[in-house]
Amino acid sequence: MTDLRPGAGGGLKVVAIADADSFVKWSASLLAAVPGIRPQLLLVRTPLTASAAQQRTALAGTGIRESDVARIAFRDAEAWLTRHEPDVVVLAGRGPFVRLMGRVIDALPQRPVTVSGLPGMAIPAQRGALDYRRHTDLLVVHSHREQRAFAELGRRIGVQIPMALATLPFARGRERMLAADRARVLAAGAAGVPGVAGVAVAERPQPAEAVAHRPPATDVVFAAQAMVPAERAEREKIAEMLIRAAEVDPTRRIVVKLRSRPGEAETHLERDSYPELLAGRMPSNLVVSYASMAEALSTAAGLVTVSSTAAIEAVAQGVPVIALDSYGVSKPLLNTVFVGSGLLGGGREVVGGRFRQPHPDWLRDNYFHPSKESTWWERVEELVALRRAGGLPARRVPAPRGRRLHEAWHRASVLGREDRSVSGAVALAIGVPATRLIAALRRGRTQGGGRTWADASTDYTLEPSPLRDSIRR
């Protein structure tokens, strides 16, 4: 294979194109781990595009500089890419965004290799996630389990796309618990002290000065999610659990970690936000944080979530976890990935601070495989060499079935107010009522979560998601 690494005769130009904050964080972290390249990040303006504050949080710790980020309108994307001529483009956004940017790639005079992926845990593998990305050259997955799930899903729906394994950027091991914290945690666990996780942590020597200056890890961090649980009553119960946890032990902070401030957007549409549910009822030690997850975990004695990828980030740092099973374990809750992990638990465990470390047998198949098995970048280099040699055909996005009107509807749906075209306005006026009707009919046919959404024996789904999560805001 031709050596394409910078400094070895190659010098690949790599650009990630993103909008929402979770995709900014994922793509920046993914590329920052590739040695020898200086990646660029292109943020295209949509209703989901990360704010400046979200961008700073997403880039924290990645090594990607603010000067490596450009913000542009969609109409300028083709000219920008033509001018910069990247060898590799990582399309980092929700499915419709990836398909829209794929059409821009199709128009370029010099076609780059296109890579796509999802910014967190992707179990169950969803039909839409694969279908929207089917025209990229490579799909990045982050676990052996995901690799099997997407391969089986592809066989079921007739989609063939090359896949490669990467280490989830937030699953890279980091030294987290210093000697003083380990001693405190182990002693507290042995004494049965409530509110502190008594977990076994492997000893590693740490510099004395680091121990002296490190703040104590006593917080309980709740990683809030926009989509799950979906029902207001269930979210109210979580709010009550957080209040109770704060009242039981006033010496510890209960931190509600949020992704977006009021007025900001995020990848998924949130209804019944926790600040709204907690308004006027928060004890002084129950706080809201918009810091990066890495910062929140730096003082965490435990993390609680329903199904957030933050659980993987916590495990990577040695922070014990409770994945809530109070509302069951099912695909619509996006928490079947935790079956067999040893991390599932209920509200009583959260209030009592009885957090868990994962079962070793679960780790390798779920995001903690050896780094040598993450060969996605080697695969990208092979694809670039093939394209340069004329041996990699373009995987073009086909024309939409409804031609220009359908294309205008798709563009306007993704761009929102950023699309000021008359065709887009007309397409939305016609298409929005029609798509709502179609969605209602589909939900009616898949009442109760749908056939594969309700099937716990597989790691993929065939029907549309039962979760309400429109890209139009």
Protein backbone atom coordinates (compact mmCIF):
# COMPACT_ATOMS: atom_id res chain seq x y z
CA MET A 1 0.00 0.00 0.00
CA THR A 2 1.21 3.50 -0.80
CA ASP A 3 2.41 5.33 2.30
CA LEU A 4 0.16 8.39 2.51
CA ARG A 5 1.09 9.68 5.93
CA PRO A 6 2.14 13.34 6.17
CA GLY A 7 5.89 13.54 6.01
CA ALA A 8 6.11 10.19 4.20
CA GLY A 9 5.19 11.34 0.71
CA GLY A 10 1.47 11.69 1.30
CA GLY A 11 0.23 14.69 3.26
CA LEU A 12 -3.47 13.95 3.43
CA LYS A 13 -5.87 16.86 3.77
CA VAL A 14 -8.69 15.85 6.11
CA VAL A 15 -11.87 17.84 6.78
CA ALA A 16 -14.76 16.99 9.07
CA ILE A 17 -18.10 18.59 8.13
CA ALA A 18 -20.49 18.86 11.08
CA ASP A 19 -23.29 20.88 12.58
CA ALA A 20 -24.64 19.63 15.95
CA ASP A 21 -22.50 19.68 19.09
CA SER A 22 -22.26 15.91 19.61
CA PHE A 23 -21.00 15.46 16.04
CA VAL A 24 -18.50 18.29 16.50
CA LYS A 25 -17.14 16.56 19.60
CA TRP A 26 -17.05 13.14 17.94
CA SER A 27 -15.41 14.16 14.67
CA ALA A 28 -12.86 16.42 16.33
CA SER A 29 -11.91 13.71 18.83
CA LEU A 30 -11.80 11.03 16.14
CA LEU A 31 -9.44 12.99 13.89
CA ALA A 32 -7.33 14.37 16.71
CA ALA A 33 -6.27 10.80 17.50
CA VAL A 34 -4.77 10.26 14.03
CA PRO A 35 -1.03 10.94 14.30
CA GLY A 36 0.64 13.27 11.88
CA ILE A 37 -2.36 15.12 10.47
CA ARG A 38 -3.77 18.53 11.21
CA PRO A 39 -7.49 18.19 10.62
CA GLN A 40 -9.89 20.99 9.79
CA LEU A 41 -13.47 21.26 10.96
CA LEU A 42 -16.15 22.82 8.78
CA LEU A 43 -19.37 23.79 10.56
CA VAL A 44 -22.31 24.23 8.21
CA ARG A 45 -25.10 26.42 9.52
CA THR A 46 -28.34 24.55 10.25
CA PRO A 47 -30.84 24.87 13.10
CA LEU A 48 -28.73 22.30 14.99
CA THR A 49 -25.33 23.97 14.58
CA ALA A 50 -23.34 24.23 17.80
CA SER A 51 -23.10 27.68 19.33
CA ALA A 52 -19.70 29.22 20.00
CA ALA A 53 -19.92 28.09 23.63
CA GLN A 54 -20.93 24.56 22.64
CA GLN A 55 -18.08 24.49 20.15
CA ARG A 56 -15.54 25.41 22.83
CA THR A 57 -16.90 22.69 25.11
CA ALA A 58 -16.93 20.11 22.31
CA LEU A 59 -13.33 20.86 21.32
CA ALA A 60 -11.99 20.90 24.89
CA GLY A 61 -9.24 18.34 25.26
CA THR A 62 -9.23 17.30 21.59
CA GLY A 63 -6.24 19.36 20.51
CA ILE A 64 -8.28 20.89 17.69
CA ARG A 65 -7.77 24.66 17.76
CA GLU A 66 -10.41 27.29 17.21
CA SER A 67 -8.37 28.48 14.22
CA ASP A 68 -8.89 25.05 12.63
CA VAL A 69 -12.66 25.61 12.55
CA ALA A 70 -14.58 27.45 9.83
CA ARG A 71 -18.28 28.32 9.91
CA ILE A 72 -20.02 28.70 6.56
CA ALA A 73 -23.45 28.71 4.96
CA PHE A 74 -24.52 25.63 3.04
CA ARG A 75 -24.48 27.56 -0.24
CA ASP A 76 -20.74 28.19 0.23
CA ALA A 77 -19.78 24.60 1.03
CA GLU A 78 -19.11 23.47 -2.53
CA ALA A 79 -16.82 26.41 -3.27
CA TRP A 80 -14.96 25.95 0.04
CA LEU A 81 -14.34 22.25 -0.64
CA THR A 82 -13.34 22.91 -4.25
CA ARG A 83 -10.80 25.47 -3.07
CA HIS A 84 -9.30 23.28 -0.31
CA GLU A 85 -9.40 19.95 -2.21
CA PRO A 86 -9.46 17.59 0.80
CA ASP A 87 -8.41 13.98 0.35
CA VAL A 88 -10.79 12.80 3.07
CA VAL A 89 -14.08 14.23 4.30
CA VAL A 90 -15.73 12.98 7.47
CA LEU A 91 -19.47 13.65 7.20
CA ALA A 92 -20.49 14.15 10.81
CA GLY A 93 -24.18 14.86 11.27
CA ARG A 94 -27.57 13.29 11.46
CA GLY A 95 -28.58 11.13 8.50
CA PRO A 96 -30.39 13.79 6.41
CA PHE A 97 -27.42 16.17 6.88
CA VAL A 98 -25.01 13.45 5.69
CA ARG A 99 -27.11 12.82 2.58
CA LEU A 100 -27.40 16.55 1.82
CA MET A 101 -23.65 17.05 2.11
CA GLY A 102 -23.16 13.90 0.02
CA ARG A 103 -24.82 15.68 -2.88
CA VAL A 104 -22.32 18.51 -2.45
CA ILE A 105 -19.46 15.99 -2.57
CA ASP A 106 -20.93 14.56 -5.79
CA ALA A 107 -20.57 17.97 -7.47
CA LEU A 108 -16.86 18.44 -6.64
CA PRO A 109 -14.33 18.29 -9.48
CA GLN A 110 -11.94 16.29 -7.27
CA ARG A 111 -13.82 13.73 -5.19
CA PRO A 112 -12.50 12.98 -1.68
CA VAL A 113 -12.94 9.73 0.20
CA THR A 114 -16.05 10.11 2.39
CA VAL A 115 -16.31 8.67 5.89
CA SER A 116 -19.39 8.65 8.13
CA GLY A 117 -20.24 7.41 11.59
CA LEU A 118 -22.32 7.98 14.71
CA PRO A 119 -21.15 10.03 17.69
CA GLY A 120 -21.89 7.50 20.41
CA MET A 121 -23.26 4.09 21.19
CA ALA A 122 -25.28 2.81 18.22
CA ILE A 123 -27.09 -0.19 19.66
CA PRO A 124 -29.66 -0.90 18.40
CA ALA A 125 -28.40 -0.33 14.86
CA GLN A 126 -31.21 1.62 13.21
CA ARG A 127 -32.32 1.34 9.62
CA GLY A 128 -32.30 5.10 9.02
CA ALA A 129 -28.79 5.46 10.42
CA LEU A 130 -27.46 2.99 7.85
CA ASP A 131 -29.67 3.98 4.92
CA TYR A 132 -28.74 7.68 5.05
CA ARG A 133 -25.01 6.83 5.13
CA ARG A 134 -25.04 4.10 2.49
CA HIS A 135 -23.40 6.32 -0.13
CA THR A 136 -20.27 7.12 1.87
CA ASP A 137 -17.09 5.17 1.21
CA LEU A 138 -16.66 3.96 4.79
CA LEU A 139 -18.85 3.63 7.87
CA VAL A 140 -16.98 3.89 11.16
CA VAL A 141 -18.35 1.77 14.01
CA HIS A 142 -17.03 1.67 17.54
CA SER A 143 -17.46 -1.86 18.83
CA HIS A 144 -17.44 -5.43 17.63
CA ARG A 145 -21.08 -5.61 18.66
CA GLU A 146 -21.96 -2.62 16.47
CA GLN A 147 -20.02 -4.14 13.60
CA ARG A 148 -22.09 -7.32 13.77
CA ALA A 149 -25.36 -5.41 14.21
CA PHE A 150 -24.85 -3.11 11.20
CA ALA A 151 -23.62 -5.99 9.05
CA GLU A 152 -26.77 -7.99 9.83
CA LEU A 153 -28.97 -4.92 9.34
CA GLY A 154 -27.32 -4.32 5.96
CA ARG A 155 -28.02 -7.89 4.92
CA ARG A 156 -31.67 -7.53 5.95
CA ILE A 157 -32.28 -4.31 3.97
CA GLY A 158 -29.89 -4.89 1.08
CA VAL A 159 -27.36 -2.19 1.95
CA GLN A 160 -23.68 -2.92 1.48
CA ILE A 161 -21.22 -0.39 2.85
CA PRO A 162 -17.61 -0.97 3.89
CA MET A 163 -17.16 -0.76 7.66
CA ALA A 164 -14.13 -0.29 9.87
CA LEU A 165 -13.62 -0.36 13.60
CA ALA A 166 -12.50 2.67 15.57
CA THR A 167 -12.08 3.21 19.27
CA LEU A 168 -14.88 5.46 20.47
CA PRO A 169 -12.95 8.67 21.18
CA PHE A 170 -14.45 8.93 24.65
CA ALA A 171 -13.49 5.32 25.49
CA ARG A 172 -9.76 5.91 25.37
CA GLY A 173 -8.26 5.03 28.72
CA ARG A 174 -7.25 7.97 30.86
CA GLU A 175 -5.65 8.02 34.29
CA ARG A 176 -8.45 9.35 36.42
CA MET A 177 -8.47 8.21 40.04
CA LEU A 178 -5.40 9.35 41.94
CA ALA A 179 -4.04 7.45 44.92
CA ALA A 180 -5.76 9.60 47.53
CA ASP A 181 -9.14 9.17 45.83
CA ARG A 182 -8.73 5.41 45.53
CA ALA A 183 -7.91 5.11 49.21
CA ARG A 184 -10.92 7.27 50.10
CA VAL A 185 -13.26 5.31 47.84
CA LEU A 186 -12.10 1.91 49.05
CA ALA A 187 -12.25 2.97 52.70
CA ALA A 188 -15.71 4.48 52.26
CA GLY A 189 -16.94 1.36 50.50
CA ALA A 190 -15.60 -0.89 53.24
CA ALA A 191 -17.23 1.28 55.91
CA GLY A 192 -20.54 1.38 54.05
CA VAL A 193 -20.54 5.15 53.78
CA PRO A 194 -23.58 6.24 51.74
CA GLY A 195 -23.12 8.39 48.68
CA VAL A 196 -19.68 7.09 47.76
CA ALA A 197 -19.14 4.16 45.44
CA GLY A 198 -17.25 1.31 47.08
CA VAL A 199 -15.52 -0.17 44.07
CA ALA A 200 -12.25 -1.95 43.50
CA VAL A 201 -9.83 0.18 41.50
CA ALA A 202 -6.45 -1.03 40.25
CA GLU A 203 -3.50 0.68 41.91
CA ARG A 204 -1.21 2.83 39.75
CA PRO A 205 1.46 5.12 41.16
CA GLN A 206 0.73 8.82 40.76
CA PRO A 207 2.92 11.90 41.29
CA ALA A 208 2.63 13.28 44.82
CA GLU A 209 2.06 16.82 43.54
CA ALA A 210 -0.90 15.64 41.45
CA VAL A 211 -2.48 14.02 44.49
CA ALA A 212 -2.01 17.19 46.53
CA HIS A 213 -3.80 19.45 44.04
CA ARG A 214 -6.54 17.19 42.73
CA PRO A 215 -10.04 18.12 43.95
CA PRO A 216 -11.92 15.33 45.74
CA ALA A 217 -14.16 13.17 43.57
CA THR A 218 -17.50 13.26 45.39
CA ASP A 219 -20.05 14.46 42.80
CA VAL A 220 -22.84 12.35 41.40
CA VAL A 221 -23.21 13.34 37.74
CA PHE A 222 -26.47 12.75 35.90
CA ALA A 223 -26.01 12.69 32.11
CA ALA A 224 -29.32 14.03 30.84
CA GLN A 225 -30.66 12.95 27.46
CA ALA A 226 -33.11 14.63 25.14
CA MET A 227 -34.94 11.55 23.87
CA VAL A 228 -35.02 9.03 26.71
CA PRO A 229 -37.05 8.54 28.68
CA ALA A 230 -39.61 10.09 26.38
CA GLU A 231 -42.62 10.41 28.67
CA ARG A 232 -42.94 13.43 30.93
CA ALA A 233 -44.03 11.30 33.89
CA GLU A 234 -40.84 9.24 33.65
CA ARG A 235 -38.68 12.35 33.44
CA GLU A 236 -40.48 13.74 36.48
CA LYS A 237 -39.57 10.58 38.39
CA ILE A 238 -35.93 11.10 37.50
CA ALA A 239 -36.15 14.68 38.72
CA GLU A 240 -37.61 13.41 42.02
CA MET A 241 -34.79 10.86 42.28
CA LEU A 242 -32.18 13.61 41.84
CA ILE A 243 -33.84 15.77 44.52
CA ARG A 244 -33.95 12.80 46.90
CA ALA A 245 -30.28 11.98 46.25
CA ALA A 246 -29.35 15.57 47.06
CA GLU A 247 -31.43 15.60 50.26
CA VAL A 248 -30.05 12.30 51.56
CA ASP A 249 -26.46 13.55 51.55
CA PRO A 250 -26.11 17.37 51.55
CA THR A 251 -22.29 17.04 51.52
CA ARG A 252 -22.20 15.76 47.95
CA ARG A 253 -23.19 17.62 44.79
CA ILE A 254 -25.73 16.17 42.41
CA VAL A 255 -24.75 17.58 39.01
CA VAL A 256 -27.28 17.62 36.16
CA LYS A 257 -25.03 17.67 33.10
CA LEU A 258 -26.76 19.33 30.14
CA ARG A 259 -25.62 19.73 26.54
CA SER A 260 -27.34 23.01 25.68
CA ARG A 261 -28.12 26.29 27.39
CA PRO A 262 -31.47 28.02 26.94
CA GLY A 263 -31.70 29.14 23.32
CA GLU A 264 -29.10 26.65 22.06
CA ALA A 265 -29.87 23.58 19.97
CA GLU A 266 -28.49 20.08 20.27
CA THR A 267 -28.49 16.93 18.17
CA HIS A 268 -31.85 15.67 19.41
CA LEU A 269 -34.99 17.62 20.23
CA GLU A 270 -35.69 17.75 23.95
CA ARG A 271 -39.13 17.97 25.48
CA ASP A 272 -39.69 18.41 29.22
CA SER A 273 -36.20 19.58 30.11
CA TYR A 274 -34.82 18.89 33.57
CA PRO A 275 -34.34 22.57 34.48
CA GLU A 276 -38.07 22.97 33.80
CA LEU A 277 -38.98 19.90 35.84
CA LEU A 278 -36.70 20.94 38.72
CA ALA A 279 -37.60 24.64 38.75
CA GLY A 280 -38.13 25.96 42.27
CA ARG A 281 -37.40 22.61 43.93
CA MET A 282 -33.62 22.29 43.81
CA PRO A 283 -31.67 21.86 47.06
CA SER A 284 -28.49 23.93 47.17
CA ASN A 285 -26.33 20.90 46.36
CA LEU A 286 -28.34 20.03 43.23
CA VAL A 287 -26.76 22.01 40.40
CA VAL A 288 -26.87 22.28 36.62
CA SER A 289 -23.66 22.16 34.58
CA TYR A 290 -22.89 22.99 30.95
CA ALA A 291 -19.22 22.05 31.25
CA SER A 292 -17.66 19.34 29.13
CA MET A 293 -18.33 15.78 30.24
CA ALA A 294 -14.61 15.30 30.85
CA GLU A 295 -14.64 18.23 33.27
CA ALA A 296 -17.78 16.99 35.01
CA LEU A 297 -16.28 13.53 35.45
CA SER A 298 -13.06 14.91 36.91
CA THR A 299 -14.81 15.37 40.29
CA ALA A 300 -17.33 12.51 39.96
CA ALA A 301 -17.67 9.63 42.37
CA GLY A 302 -20.35 8.16 40.12
CA LEU A 303 -22.33 8.74 36.94
CA VAL A 304 -25.99 7.96 36.34
CA THR A 305 -27.76 7.90 32.99
CA VAL A 306 -30.41 6.04 31.06
CA SER A 307 -28.33 5.30 27.97
CA SER A 308 -25.90 8.15 27.34
CA THR A 309 -22.47 7.52 25.81
CA ALA A 310 -21.25 9.39 28.88
CA ALA A 311 -21.38 5.99 30.58
CA ILE A 312 -18.58 4.81 28.30
CA GLU A 313 -16.60 7.98 28.94
CA ALA A 314 -17.02 7.41 32.68
CA VAL A 315 -15.92 3.77 32.47
CA ALA A 316 -12.83 4.87 30.53
CA GLN A 317 -11.90 7.17 33.41
CA GLY A 318 -12.62 4.62 36.13
CA VAL A 319 -15.78 6.39 37.30
CA PRO A 320 -18.42 3.87 38.41
CA VAL A 321 -21.82 4.00 36.71
CA ILE A 322 -25.50 3.23 37.15
CA ALA A 323 -27.46 2.77 33.91
CA LEU A 324 -31.05 3.25 35.02
CA ASP A 325 -33.37 0.31 34.47
CA SER A 326 -36.25 1.84 36.44
CA TYR A 327 -38.35 2.05 33.27
CA GLY A 328 -37.24 -1.28 31.86
CA VAL A 329 -34.56 -2.35 29.41
CA SER A 330 -35.69 -2.04 25.81
CA LYS A 331 -34.62 -0.79 22.41
CA PRO A 332 -36.80 2.36 22.59
CA LEU A 333 -34.91 3.27 25.79
CA LEU A 334 -31.63 2.69 23.92
CA ASN A 335 -30.27 0.77 26.92
CA THR A 336 -30.13 -2.84 25.72
CA VAL A 337 -26.41 -2.29 25.16
CA PHE A 338 -25.97 -2.52 28.94
CA VAL A 339 -27.39 -6.03 29.28
CA GLY A 340 -24.62 -8.13 30.79
CA SER A 341 -22.53 -5.10 31.74
CA GLY A 342 -23.29 -5.19 35.45
CA LEU A 343 -24.09 -1.46 35.31
CA LEU A 344 -27.91 -1.62 35.32
CA GLY A 345 -29.56 -0.36 38.50
CA GLY A 346 -32.48 1.62 39.86
CA GLY A 347 -33.21 4.84 41.69
CA ARG A 348 -32.54 3.37 45.14
CA GLU A 349 -28.98 2.53 44.10
CA VAL A 350 -28.51 6.08 42.84
CA VAL A 351 -29.79 7.64 46.05
CA GLY A 352 -27.63 5.28 48.09
CA GLY A 353 -24.56 5.91 45.91
CA ARG A 354 -24.16 2.24 45.04
CA PHE A 355 -22.46 2.67 41.67
CA ARG A 356 -20.87 -0.16 39.71
CA GLN A 357 -17.88 -1.04 37.59
CA PRO A 358 -18.55 -3.02 34.39
CA HIS A 359 -18.17 -6.76 34.04
CA PRO A 360 -14.82 -7.55 32.36
CA ASP A 361 -16.41 -9.94 29.85
CA TRP A 362 -18.67 -7.15 28.58
CA LEU A 363 -15.90 -4.65 27.89
CA ARG A 364 -14.10 -6.12 24.89
CA ASP A 365 -17.26 -6.55 22.82
CA ASN A 366 -18.62 -3.15 23.87
CA TYR A 367 -16.28 -0.25 23.10
CA PHE A 368 -13.16 -1.41 24.98
CA HIS A 369 -11.47 -3.63 22.40
CA PRO A 370 -7.66 -3.47 22.12
CA SER A 371 -6.46 -0.42 20.21
CA LYS A 372 -4.70 -2.59 17.63
CA GLU A 373 -8.15 -3.73 16.43
CA SER A 374 -9.11 -0.15 15.54
CA THR A 375 -7.98 -0.05 11.93
CA TRP A 376 -10.31 2.58 10.50
CA TRP A 377 -7.54 5.00 9.57
CA GLU A 378 -5.51 2.31 7.82
CA ARG A 379 -8.64 1.54 5.82
CA VAL A 380 -9.04 5.24 4.95
CA GLU A 381 -5.46 5.35 3.65
CA GLU A 382 -6.17 2.32 1.47
CA LEU A 383 -9.27 3.99 0.05
CA VAL A 384 -7.38 7.19 -0.73
CA ALA A 385 -4.73 5.19 -2.56
CA LEU A 386 -7.44 3.39 -4.53
CA ARG A 387 -9.14 6.66 -5.47
CA ARG A 388 -5.89 8.22 -6.60
CA ALA A 389 -5.26 5.16 -8.75
CA GLY A 390 -8.75 5.31 -10.24
CA GLY A 391 -9.82 2.08 -8.56
CA LEU A 392 -12.51 3.41 -6.20
CA PRO A 393 -15.82 4.18 -7.93
CA ALA A 394 -17.87 7.06 -6.55
CA ARG A 395 -20.79 6.09 -4.34
CA ARG A 396 -23.11 8.84 -5.51
CA VAL A 397 -26.34 9.87 -3.81
CA PRO A 398 -29.12 9.04 -6.29
CA ALA A 399 -31.57 11.67 -7.47
CA PRO A 400 -34.61 11.83 -5.18
CA ARG A 401 -37.72 10.07 -6.39
CA GLY A 402 -39.69 13.30 -6.45
CA ARG A 403 -36.90 15.07 -8.35
CA ARG A 404 -36.58 18.83 -7.79
CA LEU A 405 -39.47 19.24 -5.37
CA HIS A 406 -38.29 16.33 -3.23
CA GLU A 407 -34.73 17.63 -3.30
CA ALA A 408 -35.90 21.09 -2.25
CA TRP A 409 -37.92 19.59 0.62
CA HIS A 410 -34.92 17.60 1.82
CA ARG A 411 -32.64 20.64 1.68
CA ALA A 412 -35.12 22.91 3.45
CA SER A 413 -35.82 20.25 6.11
CA VAL A 414 -32.14 20.10 7.03
CA LEU A 415 -31.29 23.79 6.73
CA GLY A 416 -34.45 25.33 8.19
CA ARG A 417 -34.30 29.12 8.05
CA GLU A 418 -30.84 28.91 6.48
CA ASP A 419 -32.61 27.86 3.27
CA ARG A 420 -34.20 30.98 1.82
CA SER A 421 -35.19 29.55 -1.54
CA VAL A 422 -38.72 29.79 -2.91
CA SER A 423 -38.56 26.11 -3.90
CA GLY A 424 -37.73 25.16 -0.34
CA ALA A 425 -40.64 27.13 1.08
CA VAL A 426 -43.04 25.57 -1.42
CA ALA A 427 -41.69 22.07 -0.75
CA LEU A 428 -42.08 22.47 3.01
CA ALA A 429 -45.62 23.80 2.63
CA ILE A 430 -46.53 20.66 0.73
CA GLY A 431 -44.20 18.16 2.35
CA VAL A 432 -44.60 18.85 6.08
CA PRO A 433 -48.30 17.87 6.30
CA ALA A 434 -47.65 14.86 4.07
CA THR A 435 -44.71 13.60 6.14
CA ARG A 436 -46.68 14.07 9.36
CA LEU A 437 -49.45 11.92 7.95
CA ILE A 438 -47.01 9.26 6.78
CA ALA A 439 -45.28 9.26 10.19
CA ALA A 440 -48.64 8.86 11.96
CA LEU A 441 -49.55 5.93 9.72
CA ARG A 442 -46.19 4.29 10.37
CA ARG A 443 -46.57 4.73 14.12
CA GLY A 444 -49.99 3.15 13.89
CA ARG A 445 -48.58 0.14 12.07
CA THR A 446 -45.80 -0.26 14.65
CA GLN A 447 -47.85 0.33 17.79
CA GLY A 448 -46.02 -0.84 20.90
CA GLY A 449 -42.56 -0.19 19.51
CA GLY A 450 -42.76 -2.20 16.29
CA ARG A 451 -41.73 -5.73 15.55
CA THR A 452 -37.96 -5.38 15.68
CA TRP A 453 -38.06 -2.47 18.13
CA ALA A 454 -39.78 -4.84 20.56
CA ASP A 455 -37.54 -7.80 19.76
CA ALA A 456 -34.90 -8.06 22.48
CA SER A 457 -33.11 -10.92 20.71
CA THR A 458 -31.49 -8.71 18.06
CA ASP A 459 -29.27 -5.62 18.07
CA TYR A 460 -30.91 -3.91 15.07
CA THR A 461 -34.27 -2.48 14.03
CA LEU A 462 -36.07 -2.42 10.68
CA GLU A 463 -38.98 -0.06 11.35
CA PRO A 464 -38.74 3.73 11.77
CA SER A 465 -37.85 4.89 15.26
CA PRO A 466 -40.79 5.26 17.65
CA LEU A 467 -39.01 8.23 19.24
CA ARG A 468 -40.22 11.67 18.15
CA ASP A 469 -37.12 13.47 16.96
CA SER A 470 -37.64 15.72 13.95
CA ILE A 471 -34.67 17.58 12.49
CA ARG A 472 -36.95 20.57 11.88
CA ARG A 473 -36.87 23.00 14.78
